């Protein structure tokens, strides 16, 4: 199983009783579209899943299509989050999509909007998403 698929399975299982409706997207058909769409209590959001095996996190590895999509979507007040599993620090780091243009090729380590240790407390993650979503 690919690492991003494993993270997706952990997310799905960890939130199964939290009232979220998830849809996994096959983004090969539309480059840049995030991996997952979710909705909870009328709040709609997108999630891009990433794994970083680097010791320090200076880039999350967004493609040019992903950066562009996230930037444009955020400009329309859309809700998007990047979930970055970082095994060397044993944390899940979350970055808002409005930061997409700054999340690659940094000269210094990136500071996440939220960082939670493994095993992930998905309630903390969902509370962050809902509280940082505009609609």
Protein backbone atom coordinates (compact mmCIF):
# COMPACT_ATOMS: atom_id res chain seq x y z
CA UNK A 1 0.00 0.00 0.00
CA UNK A 2 1.31 3.46 -0.94
CA UNK A 3 2.09 5.72 2.05
CA UNK A 4 -0.59 8.25 1.05
CA UNK A 5 -3.13 5.42 0.82
CA UNK A 6 -2.14 4.33 4.31
CA UNK A 7 -2.64 7.89 5.60
CA UNK A 8 -6.05 7.98 3.87
CA UNK A 9 -7.06 4.72 5.58
CA UNK A 10 -5.97 6.10 8.98
CA UNK A 11 -7.95 9.31 8.39
CA UNK A 12 -11.07 7.43 7.25
CA UNK A 13 -10.94 4.97 10.15
CA UNK A 14 -10.07 7.64 12.72
CA UNK A 15 -13.00 9.85 11.75
CA UNK A 16 -15.63 7.21 11.00
CA UNK A 17 -17.81 8.16 13.99
CA UNK A 18 -17.29 11.93 13.73
CA UNK A 19 -19.96 12.79 11.16
CA UNK A 20 -17.69 13.49 8.19
CA UNK A 21 -18.66 12.46 4.67
CA UNK A 22 -15.45 11.76 2.72
CA UNK A 23 -14.97 11.26 -1.02
CA UNK A 24 -11.61 10.11 -2.38
CA UNK A 25 -10.84 11.68 -5.76
CA UNK A 26 -8.80 10.14 -8.57
CA UNK A 27 -6.91 13.29 -9.50
CA UNK A 28 -5.18 11.85 -12.58
CA UNK A 29 -8.25 12.98 -14.49
CA UNK A 30 -7.88 16.59 -13.35
CA UNK A 31 -4.32 17.62 -12.38
CA UNK A 32 -4.04 19.67 -9.21
CA UNK A 33 -7.33 18.64 -7.62
CA UNK A 34 -6.71 17.44 -4.03
CA UNK A 35 -6.99 13.81 -2.96
CA UNK A 36 -10.05 14.02 -0.73
CA UNK A 37 -13.22 16.09 -0.38
CA UNK A 38 -14.93 16.22 3.00
CA UNK A 39 -18.03 17.80 4.48
CA UNK A 40 -19.09 18.03 8.11
CA UNK A 41 -22.07 19.97 9.44
CA UNK A 42 -22.37 21.92 6.20
CA UNK A 43 -18.67 22.87 6.11
CA UNK A 44 -17.04 21.68 2.89
CA UNK A 45 -13.27 21.27 2.53
CA UNK A 46 -10.55 19.60 0.46
CA UNK A 47 -7.52 17.68 1.75
CA UNK A 48 -4.24 16.93 -0.02
CA UNK A 49 -2.28 14.02 1.49
CA UNK A 50 1.51 14.10 1.49
CA UNK A 51 4.29 12.07 3.08
CA UNK A 52 7.66 13.66 3.79
CA UNK A 53 10.60 11.42 4.61
CA UNK A 54 13.01 14.36 4.90
CA UNK A 55 14.54 15.05 8.30
CA UNK A 56 13.56 18.73 8.20
CA UNK A 57 10.47 19.86 6.37
CA UNK A 58 11.37 22.63 3.92
CA UNK A 59 8.94 21.61 1.19
CA UNK A 60 5.80 19.50 1.13
CA UNK A 61 6.21 18.49 -2.50
CA UNK A 62 3.25 20.13 -4.18
CA UNK A 63 3.32 19.94 -7.96
CA UNK A 64 2.94 23.17 -9.97
CA UNK A 65 -0.66 22.12 -10.79
CA UNK A 66 -1.41 21.54 -7.10
CA UNK A 67 0.08 24.88 -6.03
CA UNK A 68 -1.90 26.71 -8.70
CA UNK A 69 -5.19 24.92 -7.92
CA UNK A 70 -4.85 25.54 -4.19
CA UNK A 71 -3.93 29.19 -4.65
CA UNK A 72 -6.85 29.88 -7.00
CA UNK A 73 -9.32 27.92 -4.86
CA UNK A 74 -8.19 29.74 -1.71
CA UNK A 75 -8.59 33.08 -3.49
CA UNK A 76 -12.30 32.22 -3.82
CA UNK A 77 -12.49 31.55 -0.03
CA UNK A 78 -12.38 27.79 -0.60
CA UNK A 79 -11.26 25.55 2.25
CA UNK A 80 -8.24 23.36 1.59
CA UNK A 81 -5.70 21.74 3.87
CA UNK A 82 -2.48 19.84 3.28
CA UNK A 83 -1.94 16.90 5.63
CA UNK A 84 1.75 16.02 5.74
CA UNK A 85 2.76 12.85 7.54
CA UNK A 86 6.31 13.37 8.80
CA UNK A 87 7.57 10.02 10.12
CA UNK A 88 10.96 11.31 11.35
CA UNK A 89 9.23 13.65 13.83
CA UNK A 90 6.31 11.24 14.35
CA UNK A 91 3.81 14.00 13.62
CA UNK A 92 1.08 15.02 11.22
CA UNK A 93 1.60 18.59 10.07
CA UNK A 94 -1.26 20.61 8.62
CA UNK A 95 -0.85 23.59 6.30
CA UNK A 96 -3.67 25.71 4.90
CA UNK A 97 -4.00 25.80 1.11
CA UNK A 98 -3.80 29.60 1.12
CA UNK A 99 -0.09 29.06 1.86
CA UNK A 100 0.43 26.82 -1.20
CA UNK A 101 2.86 29.14 -2.96
CA UNK A 102 5.21 29.23 0.04
CA UNK A 103 5.18 25.49 0.79
CA UNK A 104 7.90 24.45 -1.67
CA UNK A 105 11.55 25.35 -2.06
CA UNK A 106 11.98 27.08 1.27
CA UNK A 107 15.39 27.92 2.68
CA UNK A 108 14.19 27.23 6.21
CA UNK A 109 11.94 24.70 7.89
CA UNK A 110 8.22 25.20 7.40
CA UNK A 111 6.06 26.00 10.41
CA UNK A 112 2.72 24.16 10.20
CA UNK A 113 -0.62 25.68 11.13
CA UNK A 114 -1.21 22.62 13.33
CA UNK A 115 1.05 19.76 14.38
CA UNK A 116 -0.24 16.64 16.15
CA UNK A 117 1.79 13.65 17.34
CA UNK A 118 1.26 10.05 16.23
CA UNK A 119 -1.08 8.38 16.88
CA UNK A 120 -3.17 11.23 15.49
CA UNK A 121 -6.07 12.56 17.53
CA UNK A 122 -8.42 13.13 14.59
CA UNK A 123 -10.85 15.18 16.71
CA UNK A 124 -8.15 17.85 17.13
CA UNK A 125 -7.55 17.80 13.37
CA UNK A 126 -11.26 18.12 12.51
CA UNK A 127 -11.75 20.89 15.08
CA UNK A 128 -8.89 22.77 13.40
CA UNK A 129 -10.39 22.31 9.94
CA UNK A 130 -13.86 23.43 10.98
CA UNK A 131 -12.59 26.42 12.97
CA UNK A 132 -10.36 27.55 10.07
CA UNK A 133 -12.96 27.13 7.33
CA UNK A 134 -14.81 30.11 5.98
CA UNK A 135 -18.05 28.34 5.11
